[in-house]
């Protein structure tokens, strides 16, 4: 079974490890017949795909679980959503057909919304234009291999200041620039905070208030610039709708 879930509000600060523990508890509370691995230390068959960084909200996180017996996807959504804390919300579930491949193979890009309180749209537009005009934007980040420098420009497929006001986080500060960003998956991964660092490098844009970041979608990026939900290929008819 493949699931889509969200991290909202204060629960965006939940680490991936903490979510994994909470999810395993929710499986037990909901009585889900989860399958376990073999060996001396059996563990639940759960596989996560491209988890968002801690502190980042998301409307599109994905995982897949192995089951010992069939379960109705709609009932599974309701049961797991009720067992998790508000803000960790199960949105969708589909049965993965045999031989359907890996869920991770259906994800090569993510769409993000960046909210920059106390930054005007005009200032953000100028910074984004400078970023897009650059052939390369080198930024640095500390990794497990030490501090690394890499290009934040090349993986960016789309970068635009939007006029929408219904920001997912509910931010109310004025002015508040809202930027939509689509980033392809590369190695090393380029995250939204790397792109924000790039705005500082090319345009000196450094928001006085920490930005709010929300992942809106992830999946395969089409030639038209749209992101295809990785669960779509498994649907038999209408999608299961959660919250």
C-alpha atoms as a PDB file:
ATOM      1  CA  UNK A   1       0.000   0.000   0.000  1.00  0.00           C
ATOM      2  CA  UNK A   2       1.292   3.467  -0.910  1.00  0.00           C
ATOM      3  CA  UNK A   3       0.316   6.519   1.117  1.00  0.00           C
ATOM      4  CA  UNK A   4       0.529  10.286   0.898  1.00  0.00           C
ATOM      5  CA  UNK A   5       0.675  12.311   4.104  1.00  0.00           C
ATOM      6  CA  UNK A   6       1.173  15.915   5.210  1.00  0.00           C
ATOM      7  CA  UNK A   7       3.210  17.710   7.887  1.00  0.00           C
ATOM      8  CA  UNK A   8       1.405  20.897   8.893  1.00  0.00           C
ATOM      9  CA  UNK A   9       1.687  23.721  11.390  1.00  0.00           C
ATOM     10  CA  UNK A  10       4.008  23.102  14.376  1.00  0.00           C
ATOM     11  CA  UNK A  11       4.313  19.443  13.347  1.00  0.00           C
ATOM     12  CA  UNK A  12       6.601  20.557  10.519  1.00  0.00           C
ATOM     13  CA  UNK A  13       9.331  20.542  13.194  1.00  0.00           C
ATOM     14  CA  UNK A  14       8.870  16.789  13.620  1.00  0.00           C
ATOM     15  CA  UNK A  15      12.036  15.028  12.485  1.00  0.00           C
ATOM     16  CA  UNK A  16      11.839  12.111  10.078  1.00  0.00           C
ATOM     17  CA  UNK A  17      12.871   9.734  12.870  1.00  0.00           C
ATOM     18  CA  UNK A  18      10.151  11.059  15.189  1.00  0.00           C
ATOM     19  CA  UNK A  19       7.539  10.740  12.440  1.00  0.00           C
ATOM     20  CA  UNK A  20       8.633   7.171  11.764  1.00  0.00           C
ATOM     21  CA  UNK A  21       8.105   6.288  15.439  1.00  0.00           C
ATOM     22  CA  UNK A  22       4.715   8.016  15.505  1.00  0.00           C
ATOM     23  CA  UNK A  23       3.664   6.240  12.303  1.00  0.00           C
ATOM     24  CA  UNK A  24       4.603   2.819  13.649  1.00  0.00           C
ATOM     25  CA  UNK A  25       2.548   3.548  16.778  1.00  0.00           C
ATOM     26  CA  UNK A  26      -0.395   4.614  14.606  1.00  0.00           C
ATOM     27  CA  UNK A  27      -0.208   1.308  12.715  1.00  0.00           C
ATOM     28  CA  UNK A  28      -0.516  -0.577  15.997  1.00  0.00           C
ATOM     29  CA  UNK A  29      -3.359   1.605  17.284  1.00  0.00           C
ATOM     30  CA  UNK A  30      -5.275   1.225  14.024  1.00  0.00           C
ATOM     31  CA  UNK A  31      -4.802  -2.548  13.994  1.00  0.00           C
ATOM     32  CA  UNK A  32      -3.186  -2.524  10.544  1.00  0.00           C
ATOM     33  CA  UNK A  33      -1.881  -6.014   9.599  1.00  0.00           C
ATOM     34  CA  UNK A  34       1.604  -4.748   8.821  1.00  0.00           C
ATOM     35  CA  UNK A  35       4.150  -7.226   7.451  1.00  0.00           C
ATOM     36  CA  UNK A  36       7.542  -7.649   9.108  1.00  0.00           C
ATOM     37  CA  UNK A  37      10.987  -8.434   7.786  1.00  0.00           C
ATOM     38  CA  UNK A  38      12.657 -11.770   8.478  1.00  0.00           C
ATOM     39  CA  UNK A  39      15.697 -12.391  10.658  1.00  0.00           C
ATOM     40  CA  UNK A  40      16.749 -11.873  14.292  1.00  0.00           C
ATOM     41  CA  UNK A  41      15.391  -8.306  14.506  1.00  0.00           C
ATOM     42  CA  UNK A  42      12.145  -8.151  12.511  1.00  0.00           C
ATOM     43  CA  UNK A  43      10.935  -4.644  11.707  1.00  0.00           C
ATOM     44  CA  UNK A  44       7.813  -3.293   9.994  1.00  0.00           C
ATOM     45  CA  UNK A  45       8.010  -3.175   6.213  1.00  0.00           C
ATOM     46  CA  UNK A  46       7.873   0.583   5.720  1.00  0.00           C
ATOM     47  CA  UNK A  47       9.744   2.486   3.005  1.00  0.00           C
ATOM     48  CA  UNK A  48       9.890   6.291   2.888  1.00  0.00           C
ATOM     49  CA  UNK A  49      10.459   8.355  -0.254  1.00  0.00           C
ATOM     50  CA  UNK A  50      12.277  11.714  -0.217  1.00  0.00           C
ATOM     51  CA  UNK A  51      11.282  12.929   3.241  1.00  0.00           C
ATOM     52  CA  UNK A  52      11.177  16.716   3.699  1.00  0.00           C
ATOM     53  CA  UNK A  53      13.784  18.340   5.975  1.00  0.00           C
ATOM     54  CA  UNK A  54      12.910  19.057   9.601  1.00  0.00           C
ATOM     55  CA  UNK A  55      11.228  22.451   9.970  1.00  0.00           C
ATOM     56  CA  UNK A  56       9.681  22.317   6.511  1.00  0.00           C
ATOM     57  CA  UNK A  57       5.944  21.824   6.026  1.00  0.00           C
ATOM     58  CA  UNK A  58       4.679  19.455   3.375  1.00  0.00           C
ATOM     59  CA  UNK A  59       1.471  18.499   1.603  1.00  0.00           C
ATOM     60  CA  UNK A  60       3.143  15.696  -0.331  1.00  0.00           C
ATOM     61  CA  UNK A  61       5.158  13.147   1.645  1.00  0.00           C
ATOM     62  CA  UNK A  62       5.052   9.514   0.517  1.00  0.00           C
ATOM     63  CA  UNK A  63       5.687   6.076   1.955  1.00  0.00           C
ATOM     64  CA  UNK A  64       4.794   2.483   1.222  1.00  0.00           C
ATOM     65  CA  UNK A  65       4.024  -0.372   3.589  1.00  0.00           C
ATOM     66  CA  UNK A  66       3.868  -4.133   3.243  1.00  0.00           C
ATOM     67  CA  UNK A  67       0.719  -5.839   4.554  1.00  0.00           C
ATOM     68  CA  UNK A  68      -0.026  -9.381   5.672  1.00  0.00           C
ATOM     69  CA  UNK A  69      -3.651  -9.152   4.495  1.00  0.00           C
ATOM     70  CA  UNK A  70      -5.727  -6.935   2.164  1.00  0.00           C
ATOM     71  CA  UNK A  71      -6.976  -3.625   3.573  1.00  0.00           C
ATOM     72  CA  UNK A  72      -9.422  -1.172   2.021  1.00  0.00           C
ATOM     73  CA  UNK A  73      -7.469   1.993   1.136  1.00  0.00           C
ATOM     74  CA  UNK A  74     -10.249   4.383   2.187  1.00  0.00           C
ATOM     75  CA  UNK A  75     -10.609   2.721   5.587  1.00  0.00           C
ATOM     76  CA  UNK A  76      -6.846   2.743   6.039  1.00  0.00           C
ATOM     77  CA  UNK A  77      -6.711   6.518   5.435  1.00  0.00           C
ATOM     78  CA  UNK A  78      -9.404   7.154   8.061  1.00  0.00           C
ATOM     79  CA  UNK A  79      -7.899   4.804  10.656  1.00  0.00           C
ATOM     80  CA  UNK A  80      -4.324   6.047  10.371  1.00  0.00           C
ATOM     81  CA  UNK A  81      -5.335   9.701  10.235  1.00  0.00           C
ATOM     82  CA  UNK A  82      -7.327   9.266  13.455  1.00  0.00           C
ATOM     83  CA  UNK A  83      -4.375   7.546  15.161  1.00  0.00           C
ATOM     84  CA  UNK A  84      -1.849  10.298  14.300  1.00  0.00           C
ATOM     85  CA  UNK A  85      -1.542  13.712  15.937  1.00  0.00           C
ATOM     86  CA  UNK A  86      -3.323  16.620  14.257  1.00  0.00           C
ATOM     87  CA  UNK A  87      -0.859  18.106  11.796  1.00  0.00           C
ATOM     88  CA  UNK A  88       0.428  14.700  10.705  1.00  0.00           C
ATOM     89  CA  UNK A  89      -2.370  13.922   8.282  1.00  0.00           C
ATOM     90  CA  UNK A  90      -2.814  10.893   6.025  1.00  0.00           C
ATOM     91  CA  UNK A  91      -4.332  12.159   2.777  1.00  0.00           C
ATOM     92  CA  UNK A  92      -4.426   9.302   0.313  1.00  0.00           C
ATOM     93  CA  UNK A  93      -3.758   5.586  -0.136  1.00  0.00           C
ATOM     94  CA  UNK A  94      -3.597   3.252  -3.119  1.00  0.00           C
ATOM     95  CA  UNK A  95      -2.829  -0.417  -3.590  1.00  0.00           C
ATOM     96  CA  UNK A  96       0.498  -0.968  -5.365  1.00  0.00           C
ATOM     97  CA  UNK A  97       0.066  -3.587  -8.136  1.00  0.00           C
ATOM     98  CA  UNK A  98       2.583  -6.405  -8.214  1.00  0.00           C
ATOM     99  CA  UNK A  99       5.569  -5.504 -10.374  1.00  0.00           C
ATOM    100  CA  UNK A 100       4.787  -1.787 -10.311  1.00  0.00           C
ATOM    101  CA  UNK A 101       8.354  -0.846  -9.513  1.00  0.00           C
ATOM    102  CA  UNK A 102       9.716   1.460  -6.854  1.00  0.00           C
ATOM    103  CA  UNK A 103       7.870   4.503  -5.564  1.00  0.00           C
ATOM    104  CA  UNK A 104      11.169   6.405  -5.490  1.00  0.00           C
ATOM    105  CA  UNK A 105      11.546   5.893  -9.261  1.00  0.00           C
ATOM    106  CA  UNK A 106       8.424   8.037  -9.742  1.00  0.00           C
ATOM    107  CA  UNK A 107       9.898  11.078  -8.035  1.00  0.00           C
ATOM    108  CA  UNK A 108      12.410  13.308  -9.771  1.00  0.00           C
ATOM    109  CA  UNK A 109      11.270  16.808  -8.730  1.00  0.00           C
ATOM    110  CA  UNK A 110       9.521  18.749  -5.963  1.00  0.00           C
ATOM    111  CA  UNK A 111       7.368  21.875  -5.963  1.00  0.00           C
ATOM    112  CA  UNK A 112       7.809  24.237  -3.020  1.00  0.00           C
ATOM    113  CA  UNK A 113       6.230  27.432  -1.736  1.00  0.00           C
ATOM    114  CA  UNK A 114       8.573  29.906  -0.027  1.00  0.00           C
ATOM    115  CA  UNK A 115       7.062  32.615   2.171  1.00  0.00           C
ATOM    116  CA  UNK A 116       9.336  35.560   2.937  1.00  0.00           C
ATOM    117  CA  UNK A 117       7.751  37.789   5.623  1.00  0.00           C
ATOM    118  CA  UNK A 118       8.833  41.431   5.581  1.00  0.00           C
ATOM    119  CA  UNK A 119      10.119  41.100   2.011  1.00  0.00           C
ATOM    120  CA  UNK A 120       8.186  42.912  -0.732  1.00  0.00           C
ATOM    121  CA  UNK A 121       7.175  41.138  -3.923  1.00  0.00           C
ATOM    122  CA  UNK A 122       9.191  43.690  -5.923  1.00  0.00           C
ATOM    123  CA  UNK A 123      12.355  42.934  -3.945  1.00  0.00           C
ATOM    124  CA  UNK A 124      11.789  39.194  -4.333  1.00  0.00           C
ATOM    125  CA  UNK A 125      11.159  39.505  -8.086  1.00  0.00           C
ATOM    126  CA  UNK A 126      14.446  41.341  -8.565  1.00  0.00           C
ATOM    127  CA  UNK A 127      16.333  38.680  -6.594  1.00  0.00           C
ATOM    128  CA  UNK A 128      14.689  35.805  -8.484  1.00  0.00           C
ATOM    129  CA  UNK A 129      15.487  37.467 -11.824  1.00  0.00           C
ATOM    130  CA  UNK A 130      19.144  37.773 -10.812  1.00  0.00           C
ATOM    131  CA  UNK A 131      19.202  34.113  -9.776  1.00  0.00           C
ATOM    132  CA  UNK A 132      17.673  32.911 -13.048  1.00  0.00           C
ATOM    133  CA  UNK A 133      20.010  35.088 -15.109  1.00  0.00           C
ATOM    134  CA  UNK A 134      23.088  33.471 -13.562  1.00  0.00           C
ATOM    135  CA  UNK A 135      24.739  30.528 -15.304  1.00  0.00           C
ATOM    136  CA  UNK A 136      25.823  29.137 -11.921  1.00  0.00           C
ATOM    137  CA  UNK A 137      25.047  29.996  -8.303  1.00  0.00           C
ATOM    138  CA  UNK A 138      27.538  28.408  -5.913  1.00  0.00           C
ATOM    139  CA  UNK A 139      26.424  27.892  -2.328  1.00  0.00           C
ATOM    140  CA  UNK A 140      27.940  26.057   0.610  1.00  0.00           C
ATOM    141  CA  UNK A 141      26.358  23.621   3.056  1.00  0.00           C
ATOM    142  CA  UNK A 142      27.663  21.367   5.797  1.00  0.00           C
ATOM    143  CA  UNK A 143      27.137  17.699   4.884  1.00  0.00           C
ATOM    144  CA  UNK A 144      28.161  14.395   6.443  1.00  0.00           C
ATOM    145  CA  UNK A 145      31.298  14.631   4.293  1.00  0.00           C
ATOM    146  CA  UNK A 146      32.077  18.120   5.594  1.00  0.00           C
ATOM    147  CA  UNK A 147      31.404  21.550   4.084  1.00  0.00           C
ATOM    148  CA  UNK A 148      30.637  21.300   0.367  1.00  0.00           C
ATOM    149  CA  UNK A 149      30.168  23.849  -2.390  1.00  0.00           C
ATOM    150  CA  UNK A 150      27.699  23.122  -5.191  1.00  0.00           C
ATOM    151  CA  UNK A 151      25.577  24.784  -7.847  1.00  0.00           C
ATOM    152  CA  UNK A 152      22.051  25.716  -6.713  1.00  0.00           C
ATOM    153  CA  UNK A 153      21.040  27.120 -10.124  1.00  0.00           C
ATOM    154  CA  UNK A 154      21.083  24.140 -12.485  1.00  0.00           C
ATOM    155  CA  UNK A 155      18.475  21.958 -10.683  1.00  0.00           C
ATOM    156  CA  UNK A 156      15.918  24.810 -10.564  1.00  0.00           C
ATOM    157  CA  UNK A 157      13.240  24.133 -13.199  1.00  0.00           C
ATOM    158  CA  UNK A 158      10.883  26.967 -12.236  1.00  0.00           C
ATOM    159  CA  UNK A 159      11.219  29.965  -9.916  1.00  0.00           C
ATOM    160  CA  UNK A 160       8.552  32.663  -9.837  1.00  0.00           C
ATOM    161  CA  UNK A 161       7.057  35.175  -7.415  1.00  0.00           C
ATOM    162  CA  UNK A 162       3.323  34.502  -7.124  1.00  0.00           C
ATOM    163  CA  UNK A 163       0.496  36.870  -6.210  1.00  0.00           C
ATOM    164  CA  UNK A 164      -1.431  34.228  -4.281  1.00  0.00           C
ATOM    165  CA  UNK A 165      -2.287  35.176  -0.721  1.00  0.00           C
ATOM    166  CA  UNK A 166      -3.564  31.884   0.696  1.00  0.00           C
ATOM    167  CA  UNK A 167      -0.167  30.670   1.869  1.00  0.00           C
ATOM    168  CA  UNK A 168      -0.279  27.121   3.309  1.00  0.00           C
ATOM    169  CA  UNK A 169       1.300  28.215   6.585  1.00  0.00           C
ATOM    170  CA  UNK A 170      -1.285  30.927   7.153  1.00  0.00           C
ATOM    171  CA  UNK A 171       1.389  33.607   7.388  1.00  0.00           C
ATOM    172  CA  UNK A 172      -0.117  37.055   7.929  1.00  0.00           C
ATOM    173  CA  UNK A 173       2.904  39.339   8.026  1.00  0.00           C
ATOM    174  CA  UNK A 174       2.819  42.221   5.508  1.00  0.00           C
ATOM    175  CA  UNK A 175       4.560  42.535   3.197  1.00  0.00           C
ATOM    176  CA  UNK A 176       5.184  38.859   2.515  1.00  0.00           C
ATOM    177  CA  UNK A 177       6.668  37.738  -0.780  1.00  0.00           C
ATOM    178  CA  UNK A 178       5.492  34.298  -1.883  1.00  0.00           C
ATOM    179  CA  UNK A 179       7.663  32.341  -4.301  1.00  0.00           C
ATOM    180  CA  UNK A 180       6.858  29.088  -6.108  1.00  0.00           C
ATOM    181  CA  UNK A 181       9.869  26.888  -6.771  1.00  0.00           C
ATOM    182  CA  UNK A 182      10.326  23.608  -8.651  1.00  0.00           C
ATOM    183  CA  UNK A 183      13.610  21.765  -8.097  1.00  0.00           C
ATOM    184  CA  UNK A 184      14.811  18.612  -9.829  1.00  0.00           C
ATOM    185  CA  UNK A 185      16.388  15.854  -7.775  1.00  0.00           C
ATOM    186  CA  UNK A 186      20.150  15.799  -8.162  1.00  0.00           C
ATOM    187  CA  UNK A 187      23.170  14.606  -6.183  1.00  0.00           C
ATOM    188  CA  UNK A 188      23.927  16.274  -3.853  1.00  0.00           C
ATOM    189  CA  UNK A 189      20.289  17.257  -3.303  1.00  0.00           C
ATOM    190  CA  UNK A 190      19.498  20.961  -3.659  1.00  0.00           C
ATOM    191  CA  UNK A 191      16.983  22.029  -0.998  1.00  0.00           C
ATOM    192  CA  UNK A 192      14.887  25.204  -0.725  1.00  0.00           C
ATOM    193  CA  UNK A 193      17.285  26.634   1.870  1.00  0.00           C
ATOM    194  CA  UNK A 194      20.105  26.225  -0.669  1.00  0.00           C
ATOM    195  CA  UNK A 195      18.115  28.244  -3.211  1.00  0.00           C
ATOM    196  CA  UNK A 196      17.444  30.901  -0.567  1.00  0.00           C
ATOM    197  CA  UNK A 197      21.190  30.985   0.083  1.00  0.00           C
ATOM    198  CA  UNK A 198      21.609  31.494  -3.643  1.00  0.00           C
ATOM    199  CA  UNK A 199      19.357  34.577  -3.501  1.00  0.00           C
ATOM    200  CA  UNK A 200      21.661  35.982  -0.870  1.00  0.00           C
ATOM    201  CA  UNK A 201      24.708  35.247  -3.033  1.00  0.00           C
ATOM    202  CA  UNK A 202      23.427  36.802  -6.265  1.00  0.00           C
ATOM    203  CA  UNK A 203      21.173  39.575  -4.933  1.00  0.00           C
ATOM    204  CA  UNK A 204      21.986  40.126  -1.267  1.00  0.00           C
ATOM    205  CA  UNK A 205      18.460  39.082  -0.294  1.00  0.00           C
ATOM    206  CA  UNK A 206      18.431  38.003   3.329  1.00  0.00           C
ATOM    207  CA  UNK A 207      14.928  38.019   4.884  1.00  0.00           C
ATOM    208  CA  UNK A 208      14.838  39.592   8.371  1.00  0.00           C
ATOM    209  CA  UNK A 209      12.386  36.881   9.478  1.00  0.00           C
ATOM    210  CA  UNK A 210      13.030  33.159   8.894  1.00  0.00           C
ATOM    211  CA  UNK A 211      11.218  32.037   5.709  1.00  0.00           C
ATOM    212  CA  UNK A 212       8.398  29.506   5.864  1.00  0.00           C
ATOM    213  CA  UNK A 213       8.771  26.633   3.408  1.00  0.00           C
ATOM    214  CA  UNK A 214       6.099  24.140   2.327  1.00  0.00           C
ATOM    215  CA  UNK A 215       6.394  21.285  -0.143  1.00  0.00           C
ATOM    216  CA  UNK A 216       3.288  21.326  -2.349  1.00  0.00           C
ATOM    217  CA  UNK A 217       3.994  18.337  -4.585  1.00  0.00           C
ATOM    218  CA  UNK A 218       6.602  15.827  -5.667  1.00  0.00           C
ATOM    219  CA  UNK A 219       6.708  13.351  -8.506  1.00  0.00           C
ATOM    220  CA  UNK A 220       7.779  13.131 -12.141  1.00  0.00           C
ATOM    221  CA  UNK A 221       8.322  16.488 -13.882  1.00  0.00           C
ATOM    222  CA  UNK A 222       6.701  16.606 -17.339  1.00  0.00           C
ATOM    223  CA  UNK A 223       7.925  18.572 -20.345  1.00  0.00           C
ATOM    224  CA  UNK A 224       5.058  21.009 -19.672  1.00  0.00           C
ATOM    225  CA  UNK A 225       6.423  21.758 -16.210  1.00  0.00           C
ATOM    226  CA  UNK A 226       3.744  19.829 -14.321  1.00  0.00           C
ATOM    227  CA  UNK A 227       4.472  17.353 -11.534  1.00  0.00           C
ATOM    228  CA  UNK A 228       2.664  14.000 -11.751  1.00  0.00           C
ATOM    229  CA  UNK A 229       1.503  12.529  -8.436  1.00  0.00           C
ATOM    230  CA  UNK A 230       3.463   9.255  -7.998  1.00  0.00           C
ATOM    231  CA  UNK A 231       0.274   7.504  -6.832  1.00  0.00           C
ATOM    232  CA  UNK A 232      -1.629   8.261 -10.044  1.00  0.00           C
ATOM    233  CA  UNK A 233      -0.212   5.284 -11.935  1.00  0.00           C
ATOM    234  CA  UNK A 234      -1.622   2.895  -9.302  1.00  0.00           C
ATOM    235  CA  UNK A 235      -5.185   4.215  -9.298  1.00  0.00           C
ATOM    236  CA  UNK A 236      -7.913   1.958 -10.641  1.00  0.00           C
ATOM    237  CA  UNK A 237     -10.636   4.618 -10.628  1.00  0.00           C
ATOM    238  CA  UNK A 238     -11.198   7.734  -8.509  1.00  0.00           C
ATOM    239  CA  UNK A 239      -8.546   8.665  -5.928  1.00  0.00           C
ATOM    240  CA  UNK A 240      -9.099   8.084  -2.229  1.00  0.00           C
ATOM    241  CA  UNK A 241      -9.716  11.474  -0.653  1.00  0.00           C
ATOM    242  CA  UNK A 242      -8.567  12.258   2.865  1.00  0.00           C
ATOM    243  CA  UNK A 243      -8.554  15.705   4.446  1.00  0.00           C
END
